């Protein structure tokens, strides 16, 4: 009888599947995930390596979009919780 180890690829795939299923089931979590991805992409553009001549502008725009996505999803979550508690 074989046991699953910590580095078992099936176990990793199952965790990834559960995460993607959770994101698919929740619009607000998906918006937060998009916001986090935009912030990470902004960090790539802010890196010392110059990709384009407008890296700072692109990084700023992506950062603003990412933060606004996270804040808006969080605000809607709070509003939904508030309406549900009544």
PDB file of N, CA and C in Angstrom:
ATOM      1  N   UNK A   1       0.852  -1.176   0.000  1.00  0.00           N
ATOM      2  CA  UNK A   1       0.000   0.000   0.000  1.00  0.00           C
ATOM      3  C   UNK A   1       0.894   1.235   0.000  1.00  0.00           C
ATOM      4  N   UNK A   2       0.693   2.109  -0.945  1.00  0.00           N
ATOM      5  CA  UNK A   2       1.523   3.316  -1.070  1.00  0.00           C
ATOM      6  C   UNK A   2       0.857   4.480  -0.352  1.00  0.00           C
ATOM      7  N   UNK A   3       1.682   5.281   0.274  1.00  0.00           N
ATOM      8  CA  UNK A   3       1.172   6.484   0.934  1.00  0.00           C
ATOM      9  C   UNK A   3       1.627   7.706   0.170  1.00  0.00           C
ATOM     10  N   UNK A   4       0.835   8.769   0.226  1.00  0.00           N
ATOM     11  CA  UNK A   4       1.172  10.011  -0.487  1.00  0.00           C
ATOM     12  C   UNK A   4       2.188  10.797   0.326  1.00  0.00           C
ATOM     13  N   UNK A   5       3.245  11.188  -0.333  1.00  0.00           N
ATOM     14  CA  UNK A   5       4.254  12.000   0.344  1.00  0.00           C
ATOM     15  C   UNK A   5       3.925  13.473   0.170  1.00  0.00           C
ATOM     16  N   UNK A   6       4.685  14.326   0.850  1.00  0.00           N
ATOM     17  CA  UNK A   6       4.454  15.769   0.774  1.00  0.00           C
ATOM     18  C   UNK A   6       4.743  16.327  -0.604  1.00  0.00           C
ATOM     19  N   UNK A   7       5.667  15.710  -1.337  1.00  0.00           N
ATOM     20  CA  UNK A   7       6.029  16.217  -2.655  1.00  0.00           C
ATOM     21  C   UNK A   7       5.278  15.504  -3.777  1.00  0.00           C
ATOM     22  N   UNK A   8       4.202  14.810  -3.439  1.00  0.00           N
ATOM     23  CA  UNK A   8       3.418  14.093  -4.427  1.00  0.00           C
ATOM     24  C   UNK A   8       2.728  15.084  -5.366  1.00  0.00           C
ATOM     25  N   UNK A   9       2.933  14.960  -6.684  1.00  0.00           N
ATOM     26  CA  UNK A   9       2.318  15.925  -7.614  1.00  0.00           C
ATOM     27  C   UNK A   9       0.791  15.879  -7.586  1.00  0.00           C
ATOM     28  N   UNK A  10       0.226  14.705  -7.297  1.00  0.00           N
ATOM     29  CA  UNK A  10      -1.244  14.625  -7.232  1.00  0.00           C
ATOM     30  C   UNK A  10      -1.790  15.469  -6.090  1.00  0.00           C
ATOM     31  N   UNK A  11      -1.066  15.487  -5.000  1.00  0.00           N
ATOM     32  CA  UNK A  11      -1.494  16.286  -3.846  1.00  0.00           C
ATOM     33  C   UNK A  11      -1.428  17.783  -4.172  1.00  0.00           C
ATOM     34  N   UNK A  12      -0.373  18.195  -4.861  1.00  0.00           N
ATOM     35  CA  UNK A  12      -0.226  19.586  -5.278  1.00  0.00           C
ATOM     36  C   UNK A  12      -1.316  19.971  -6.264  1.00  0.00           C
ATOM     37  N   UNK A  13      -1.593  19.080  -7.215  1.00  0.00           N
ATOM     38  CA  UNK A  13      -2.650  19.351  -8.188  1.00  0.00           C
ATOM     39  C   UNK A  13      -4.012  19.449  -7.522  1.00  0.00           C
ATOM     40  N   UNK A  14      -4.247  18.631  -6.506  1.00  0.00           N
ATOM     41  CA  UNK A  14      -5.515  18.672  -5.791  1.00  0.00           C
ATOM     42  C   UNK A  14      -5.677  20.002  -5.047  1.00  0.00           C
ATOM     43  N   UNK A  15      -4.599  20.500  -4.449  1.00  0.00           N
ATOM     44  CA  UNK A  15      -4.644  21.786  -3.756  1.00  0.00           C
ATOM     45  C   UNK A  15      -4.908  22.918  -4.746  1.00  0.00           C
ATOM     46  N   UNK A  16      -4.233  22.883  -5.897  1.00  0.00           N
ATOM     47  CA  UNK A  16      -4.459  23.883  -6.928  1.00  0.00           C
ATOM     48  C   UNK A  16      -5.893  23.819  -7.443  1.00  0.00           C
ATOM     49  N   UNK A  17      -6.416  22.616  -7.633  1.00  0.00           N
ATOM     50  CA  UNK A  17      -7.792  22.445  -8.090  1.00  0.00           C
ATOM     51  C   UNK A  17      -8.779  23.039  -7.093  1.00  0.00           C
ATOM     52  N   UNK A  18      -8.559  22.783  -5.812  1.00  0.00           N
ATOM     53  CA  UNK A  18      -9.452  23.340  -4.783  1.00  0.00           C
ATOM     54  C   UNK A  18      -9.414  24.864  -4.766  1.00  0.00           C
ATOM     55  N   UNK A  19      -8.225  25.434  -4.909  1.00  0.00           N
ATOM     56  CA  UNK A  19      -8.080  26.885  -4.930  1.00  0.00           C
ATOM     57  C   UNK A  19      -8.802  27.485  -6.138  1.00  0.00           C
ATOM     58  N   UNK A  20      -8.598  26.892  -7.312  1.00  0.00           N
ATOM     59  CA  UNK A  20      -9.259  27.399  -8.514  1.00  0.00           C
ATOM     60  C   UNK A  20     -10.775  27.228  -8.436  1.00  0.00           C
ATOM     61  N   UNK A  21     -11.233  26.157  -7.832  1.00  0.00           N
ATOM     62  CA  UNK A  21     -12.672  25.947  -7.665  1.00  0.00           C
ATOM     63  C   UNK A  21     -13.257  26.985  -6.712  1.00  0.00           C
ATOM     64  N   UNK A  22     -12.520  27.333  -5.669  1.00  0.00           N
ATOM     65  CA  UNK A  22     -12.956  28.367  -4.736  1.00  0.00           C
ATOM     66  C   UNK A  22     -13.037  29.722  -5.433  1.00  0.00           C
ATOM     67  N   UNK A  23     -12.026  30.044  -6.247  1.00  0.00           N
ATOM     68  CA  UNK A  23     -12.039  31.313  -6.977  1.00  0.00           C
ATOM     69  C   UNK A  23     -13.173  31.356  -7.993  1.00  0.00           C
ATOM     70  N   UNK A  24     -13.450  30.237  -8.628  1.00  0.00           N
ATOM     71  CA  UNK A  24     -14.517  30.183  -9.618  1.00  0.00           C
ATOM     72  C   UNK A  24     -15.888  30.382  -8.975  1.00  0.00           C
ATOM     73  N   UNK A  25     -16.032  29.960  -7.741  1.00  0.00           N
ATOM     74  CA  UNK A  25     -17.316  30.049  -7.068  1.00  0.00           C
ATOM     75  C   UNK A  25     -17.588  31.396  -6.428  1.00  0.00           C
ATOM     76  N   UNK A  26     -16.610  32.278  -6.362  1.00  0.00           N
ATOM     77  CA  UNK A  26     -16.799  33.549  -5.678  1.00  0.00           C
ATOM     78  C   UNK A  26     -16.296  34.691  -6.551  1.00  0.00           C
ATOM     79  N   UNK A  27     -17.200  35.569  -6.930  1.00  0.00           N
ATOM     80  CA  UNK A  27     -16.843  36.716  -7.750  1.00  0.00           C
ATOM     81  C   UNK A  27     -15.920  37.664  -6.984  1.00  0.00           C
ATOM     82  N   UNK A  28     -16.204  37.900  -5.719  1.00  0.00           N
ATOM     83  CA  UNK A  28     -15.392  38.835  -4.944  1.00  0.00           C
ATOM     84  C   UNK A  28     -13.975  38.312  -4.733  1.00  0.00           C
ATOM     85  N   UNK A  29     -13.828  37.015  -4.484  1.00  0.00           N
ATOM     86  CA  UNK A  29     -12.485  36.452  -4.344  1.00  0.00           C
ATOM     87  C   UNK A  29     -11.729  36.506  -5.669  1.00  0.00           C
ATOM     88  N   UNK A  30     -12.448  36.340  -6.771  1.00  0.00           N
ATOM     89  CA  UNK A  30     -11.812  36.444  -8.080  1.00  0.00           C
ATOM     90  C   UNK A  30     -11.307  37.862  -8.326  1.00  0.00           C
ATOM     91  N   UNK A  31     -12.083  38.852  -7.916  1.00  0.00           N
ATOM     92  CA  UNK A  31     -11.658  40.245  -8.091  1.00  0.00           C
ATOM     93  C   UNK A  31     -10.442  40.540  -7.234  1.00  0.00           C
ATOM     94  N   UNK A  32     -10.412  40.008  -6.020  1.00  0.00           N
ATOM     95  CA  UNK A  32      -9.240  40.193  -5.153  1.00  0.00           C
ATOM     96  C   UNK A  32      -8.021  39.510  -5.774  1.00  0.00           C
ATOM     97  N   UNK A  33      -8.206  38.315  -6.337  1.00  0.00           N
ATOM     98  CA  UNK A  33      -7.090  37.617  -6.974  1.00  0.00           C
ATOM     99  C   UNK A  33      -6.565  38.411  -8.173  1.00  0.00           C
ATOM    100  N   UNK A  34      -7.452  38.998  -8.952  1.00  0.00           N
ATOM    101  CA  UNK A  34      -7.031  39.834 -10.080  1.00  0.00           C
ATOM    102  C   UNK A  34      -6.266  41.050  -9.568  1.00  0.00           C
ATOM    103  N   UNK A  35      -6.732  41.650  -8.473  1.00  0.00           N
ATOM    104  CA  UNK A  35      -6.029  42.788  -7.884  1.00  0.00           C
ATOM    105  C   UNK A  35      -4.630  42.421  -7.432  1.00  0.00           C
ATOM    106  N   UNK A  36      -4.479  41.263  -6.820  1.00  0.00           N
ATOM    107  CA  UNK A  36      -3.157  40.812  -6.376  1.00  0.00           C
ATOM    108  C   UNK A  36      -2.249  40.563  -7.583  1.00  0.00           C
ATOM    109  N   UNK A  37      -2.798  39.954  -8.637  1.00  0.00           N
ATOM    110  CA  UNK A  37      -2.002  39.729  -9.847  1.00  0.00           C
ATOM    111  C   UNK A  37      -1.561  41.049 -10.473  1.00  0.00           C
ATOM    112  N   UNK A  38      -2.444  42.047 -10.470  1.00  0.00           N
ATOM    113  CA  UNK A  38      -2.067  43.352 -11.011  1.00  0.00           C
ATOM    114  C   UNK A  38      -0.959  43.998 -10.177  1.00  0.00           C
ATOM    115  N   UNK A  39      -1.031  43.853  -8.866  1.00  0.00           N
ATOM    116  CA  UNK A  39       0.038  44.389  -8.007  1.00  0.00           C
ATOM    117  C   UNK A  39       1.369  43.679  -8.260  1.00  0.00           C
ATOM    118  N   UNK A  40       1.324  42.375  -8.451  1.00  0.00           N
ATOM    119  CA  UNK A  40       2.553  41.641  -8.754  1.00  0.00           C
ATOM    120  C   UNK A  40       3.124  42.051 -10.113  1.00  0.00           C
ATOM    121  N   UNK A  41       2.257  42.265 -11.076  1.00  0.00           N
ATOM    122  CA  UNK A  41       2.707  42.718 -12.385  1.00  0.00           C
ATOM    123  C   UNK A  41       3.293  44.123 -12.297  1.00  0.00           C
ATOM    124  N   UNK A  42       2.712  44.960 -11.453  1.00  0.00           N
ATOM    125  CA  UNK A  42       3.267  46.305 -11.235  1.00  0.00           C
ATOM    126  C   UNK A  42       4.657  46.215 -10.619  1.00  0.00           C
ATOM    127  N   UNK A  43       4.851  45.255  -9.724  1.00  0.00           N
ATOM    128  CA  UNK A  43       6.175  45.080  -9.118  1.00  0.00           C
ATOM    129  C   UNK A  43       7.197  44.643 -10.161  1.00  0.00           C
ATOM    130  N   UNK A  44       6.766  43.850 -11.140  1.00  0.00           N
ATOM    131  CA  UNK A  44       7.675  43.444 -12.216  1.00  0.00           C
ATOM    132  C   UNK A  44       8.084  44.658 -13.040  1.00  0.00           C
ATOM    133  N   UNK A  45       7.137  45.539 -13.340  1.00  0.00           N
ATOM    134  CA  UNK A  45       7.458  46.725 -14.122  1.00  0.00           C
ATOM    135  C   UNK A  45       8.294  47.725 -13.318  1.00  0.00           C
ATOM    136  N   UNK A  46       8.239  47.652 -12.006  1.00  0.00           N
ATOM    137  CA  UNK A  46       9.011  48.571 -11.172  1.00  0.00           C
ATOM    138  C   UNK A  46      10.418  48.046 -10.914  1.00  0.00           C
ATOM    139  N   UNK A  47      10.715  46.855 -11.383  1.00  0.00           N
ATOM    140  CA  UNK A  47      12.032  46.243 -11.186  1.00  0.00           C
ATOM    141  C   UNK A  47      13.119  47.096 -11.840  1.00  0.00           C
ATOM    142  N   UNK A  48      14.355  46.936 -11.399  1.00  0.00           N
ATOM    143  CA  UNK A  48      15.456  47.748 -11.941  1.00  0.00           C
ATOM    144  C   UNK A  48      15.699  47.552 -13.441  1.00  0.00           C
ATOM    145  N   UNK A  49      15.292  46.402 -13.983  1.00  0.00           N
ATOM    146  CA  UNK A  49      15.482  46.147 -15.408  1.00  0.00           C
ATOM    147  C   UNK A  49      14.426  46.916 -16.185  1.00  0.00           C
ATOM    148  N   UNK A  50      14.854  47.710 -17.149  1.00  0.00           N
ATOM    149  CA  UNK A  50      13.910  48.533 -17.903  1.00  0.00           C
ATOM    150  C   UNK A  50      13.362  47.734 -19.083  1.00  0.00           C
ATOM    151  N   UNK A  51      12.037  47.525 -19.081  1.00  0.00           N
ATOM    152  CA  UNK A  51      11.391  46.813 -20.177  1.00  0.00           C
ATOM    153  C   UNK A  51      10.946  47.768 -21.277  1.00  0.00           C
ATOM    154  N   UNK A  52      10.373  48.880 -20.875  1.00  0.00           N
ATOM    155  CA  UNK A  52       9.956  49.919 -21.821  1.00  0.00           C
ATOM    156  C   UNK A  52      10.413  51.266 -21.273  1.00  0.00           C
ATOM    157  N   UNK A  53      10.186  52.315 -22.055  1.00  0.00           N
ATOM    158  CA  UNK A  53      10.595  53.639 -21.580  1.00  0.00           C
ATOM    159  C   UNK A  53       9.597  54.210 -20.574  1.00  0.00           C
ATOM    160  N   UNK A  54       8.434  53.600 -20.457  1.00  0.00           N
ATOM    161  CA  UNK A  54       7.384  54.094 -19.560  1.00  0.00           C
ATOM    162  C   UNK A  54       7.089  53.110 -18.423  1.00  0.00           C
ATOM    163  N   UNK A  55       8.089  52.421 -17.928  1.00  0.00           N
ATOM    164  CA  UNK A  55       7.880  51.414 -16.884  1.00  0.00           C
ATOM    165  C   UNK A  55       7.239  51.983 -15.627  1.00  0.00           C
ATOM    166  N   UNK A  56       7.664  53.162 -15.206  1.00  0.00           N
ATOM    167  CA  UNK A  56       7.108  53.759 -13.987  1.00  0.00           C
ATOM    168  C   UNK A  56       5.633  54.089 -14.132  1.00  0.00           C
ATOM    169  N   UNK A  57       5.243  54.577 -15.294  1.00  0.00           N
ATOM    170  CA  UNK A  57       3.835  54.915 -15.539  1.00  0.00           C
ATOM    171  C   UNK A  57       2.985  53.661 -15.558  1.00  0.00           C
ATOM    172  N   UNK A  58       3.467  52.637 -16.248  1.00  0.00           N
ATOM    173  CA  UNK A  58       2.720  51.379 -16.320  1.00  0.00           C
ATOM    174  C   UNK A  58       2.611  50.749 -14.931  1.00  0.00           C
ATOM    175  N   UNK A  59       3.687  50.758 -14.169  1.00  0.00           N
ATOM    176  CA  UNK A  59       3.660  50.204 -12.816  1.00  0.00           C
ATOM    177  C   UNK A  59       2.677  50.966 -11.938  1.00  0.00           C
ATOM    178  N   UNK A  60       2.660  52.281 -12.063  1.00  0.00           N
ATOM    179  CA  UNK A  60       1.707  53.071 -11.282  1.00  0.00           C
ATOM    180  C   UNK A  60       0.267  52.774 -11.649  1.00  0.00           C
ATOM    181  N   UNK A  61       0.001  52.663 -12.944  1.00  0.00           N
ATOM    182  CA  UNK A  61      -1.370  52.357 -13.376  1.00  0.00           C
ATOM    183  C   UNK A  61      -1.814  50.983 -12.893  1.00  0.00           C
ATOM    184  N   UNK A  62      -0.944  49.989 -13.038  1.00  0.00           N
ATOM    185  CA  UNK A  62      -1.295  48.642 -12.583  1.00  0.00           C
ATOM    186  C   UNK A  62      -1.467  48.600 -11.066  1.00  0.00           C
ATOM    187  N   UNK A  63      -0.634  49.348 -10.344  1.00  0.00           N
ATOM    188  CA  UNK A  63      -0.769  49.401  -8.893  1.00  0.00           C
ATOM    189  C   UNK A  63      -2.088  50.018  -8.460  1.00  0.00           C
ATOM    190  N   UNK A  64      -2.477  51.108  -9.129  1.00  0.00           N
ATOM    191  CA  UNK A  64      -3.754  51.755  -8.786  1.00  0.00           C
ATOM    192  C   UNK A  64      -4.920  50.834  -9.109  1.00  0.00           C
ATOM    193  N   UNK A  65      -4.859  50.174 -10.281  1.00  0.00           N
ATOM    194  CA  UNK A  65      -5.940  49.248 -10.640  1.00  0.00           C
ATOM    195  C   UNK A  65      -6.009  48.075  -9.672  1.00  0.00           C
ATOM    196  N   UNK A  66      -4.858  47.549  -9.263  1.00  0.00           N
ATOM    197  CA  UNK A  66      -4.836  46.424  -8.335  1.00  0.00           C
ATOM    198  C   UNK A  66      -5.377  46.785  -6.973  1.00  0.00           C
ATOM    199  N   UNK A  67      -4.939  47.926  -6.456  1.00  0.00           N
ATOM    200  CA  UNK A  67      -5.422  48.353  -5.132  1.00  0.00           C
ATOM    201  C   UNK A  67      -6.912  48.668  -5.182  1.00  0.00           C
ATOM    202  N   UNK A  68      -7.371  49.314  -6.248  1.00  0.00           N
ATOM    203  CA  UNK A  68      -8.801  49.637  -6.338  1.00  0.00           C
ATOM    204  C   UNK A  68      -9.637  48.382  -6.483  1.00  0.00           C
ATOM    205  N   UNK A  69      -9.132  47.356  -7.167  1.00  0.00           N
ATOM    206  CA  UNK A  69      -9.874  46.097  -7.268  1.00  0.00           C
ATOM    207  C   UNK A  69      -9.998  45.444  -5.896  1.00  0.00           C
ATOM    208  N   UNK A  70      -8.929  45.435  -5.129  1.00  0.00           N
ATOM    209  CA  UNK A  70      -8.970  44.827  -3.801  1.00  0.00           C
ATOM    210  C   UNK A  70      -9.888  45.609  -2.873  1.00  0.00           C
ATOM    211  N   UNK A  71      -9.793  46.937  -2.898  1.00  0.00           N
ATOM    212  CA  UNK A  71     -10.627  47.771  -2.023  1.00  0.00           C
ATOM    213  C   UNK A  71     -12.101  47.656  -2.408  1.00  0.00           C
ATOM    214  N   UNK A  72     -12.400  47.651  -3.698  1.00  0.00           N
ATOM    215  CA  UNK A  72     -13.805  47.561  -4.109  1.00  0.00           C
ATOM    216  C   UNK A  72     -14.394  46.206  -3.746  1.00  0.00           C
ATOM    217  N   UNK A  73     -13.647  45.121  -3.947  1.00  0.00           N
ATOM    218  CA  UNK A  73     -14.156  43.802  -3.571  1.00  0.00           C
ATOM    219  C   UNK A  73     -14.343  43.701  -2.056  1.00  0.00           C
ATOM    220  N   UNK A  74     -13.414  44.264  -1.303  1.00  0.00           N
ATOM    221  CA  UNK A  74     -13.571  44.263   0.150  1.00  0.00           C
ATOM    222  C   UNK A  74     -14.758  45.084   0.605  1.00  0.00           C
ATOM    223  N   UNK A  75     -14.991  46.215  -0.045  1.00  0.00           N
ATOM    224  CA  UNK A  75     -16.139  47.054   0.308  1.00  0.00           C
ATOM    225  C   UNK A  75     -17.459  46.343   0.015  1.00  0.00           C
ATOM    226  N   UNK A  76     -17.536  45.698  -1.152  1.00  0.00           N
ATOM    227  CA  UNK A  76     -18.755  44.958  -1.476  1.00  0.00           C
ATOM    228  C   UNK A  76     -18.963  43.791  -0.519  1.00  0.00           C
ATOM    229  N   UNK A  77     -17.881  43.147  -0.084  1.00  0.00           N
ATOM    230  CA  UNK A  77     -18.003  42.063   0.878  1.00  0.00           C
ATOM    231  C   UNK A  77     -18.573  42.567   2.194  1.00  0.00           C
ATOM    232  N   UNK A  78     -18.078  43.716   2.654  1.00  0.00           N
ATOM    233  CA  UNK A  78     -18.593  44.293   3.900  1.00  0.00           C
ATOM    234  C   UNK A  78     -20.065  44.666   3.746  1.00  0.00           C
ATOM    235  N   UNK A  79     -20.428  45.252   2.608  1.00  0.00           N
ATOM    236  CA  UNK A  79     -21.826  45.589   2.366  1.00  0.00           C
ATOM    237  C   UNK A  79     -22.723  44.358   2.334  1.00  0.00           C
ATOM    238  N   UNK A  80     -22.274  43.301   1.690  1.00  0.00           N
ATOM    239  CA  UNK A  80     -23.058  42.069   1.660  1.00  0.00           C
ATOM    240  C   UNK A  80     -23.226  41.482   3.053  1.00  0.00           C
ATOM    241  N   UNK A  81     -22.175  41.500   3.841  1.00  0.00           N
ATOM    242  CA  UNK A  81     -22.265  40.988   5.225  1.00  0.00           C
ATOM    243  C   UNK A  81     -23.243  41.834   6.033  1.00  0.00           C
ATOM    244  N   UNK A  82     -23.211  43.146   5.817  1.00  0.00           N
ATOM    245  CA  UNK A  82     -24.071  44.035   6.565  1.00  0.00           C
ATOM    246  C   UNK A  82     -25.552  43.807   6.200  1.00  0.00           C
ATOM    247  N   UNK A  83     -25.831  43.668   4.897  1.00  0.00           N
ATOM    248  CA  UNK A  83     -27.201  43.424   4.472  1.00  0.00           C
ATOM    249  C   UNK A  83     -27.686  42.053   4.893  1.00  0.00           C
ATOM    250  N   UNK A  84     -26.786  41.069   4.917  1.00  0.00           N
ATOM    251  CA  UNK A  84     -27.175  39.720   5.301  1.00  0.00           C
ATOM    252  C   UNK A  84     -27.486  39.633   6.790  1.00  0.00           C
ATOM    253  N   UNK A  85     -26.849  40.458   7.608  1.00  0.00           N
ATOM    254  CA  UNK A  85     -27.058  40.387   9.054  1.00  0.00           C
ATOM    255  C   UNK A  85     -28.390  41.016   9.474  1.00  0.00           C
ATOM    256  N   UNK A  86     -29.005  41.787   8.600  1.00  0.00           N
ATOM    257  CA  UNK A  86     -30.283  42.415   8.961  1.00  0.00           C
ATOM    258  C   UNK A  86     -31.429  41.501   8.838  1.00  0.00           C
TER     259      UNK A  86
END
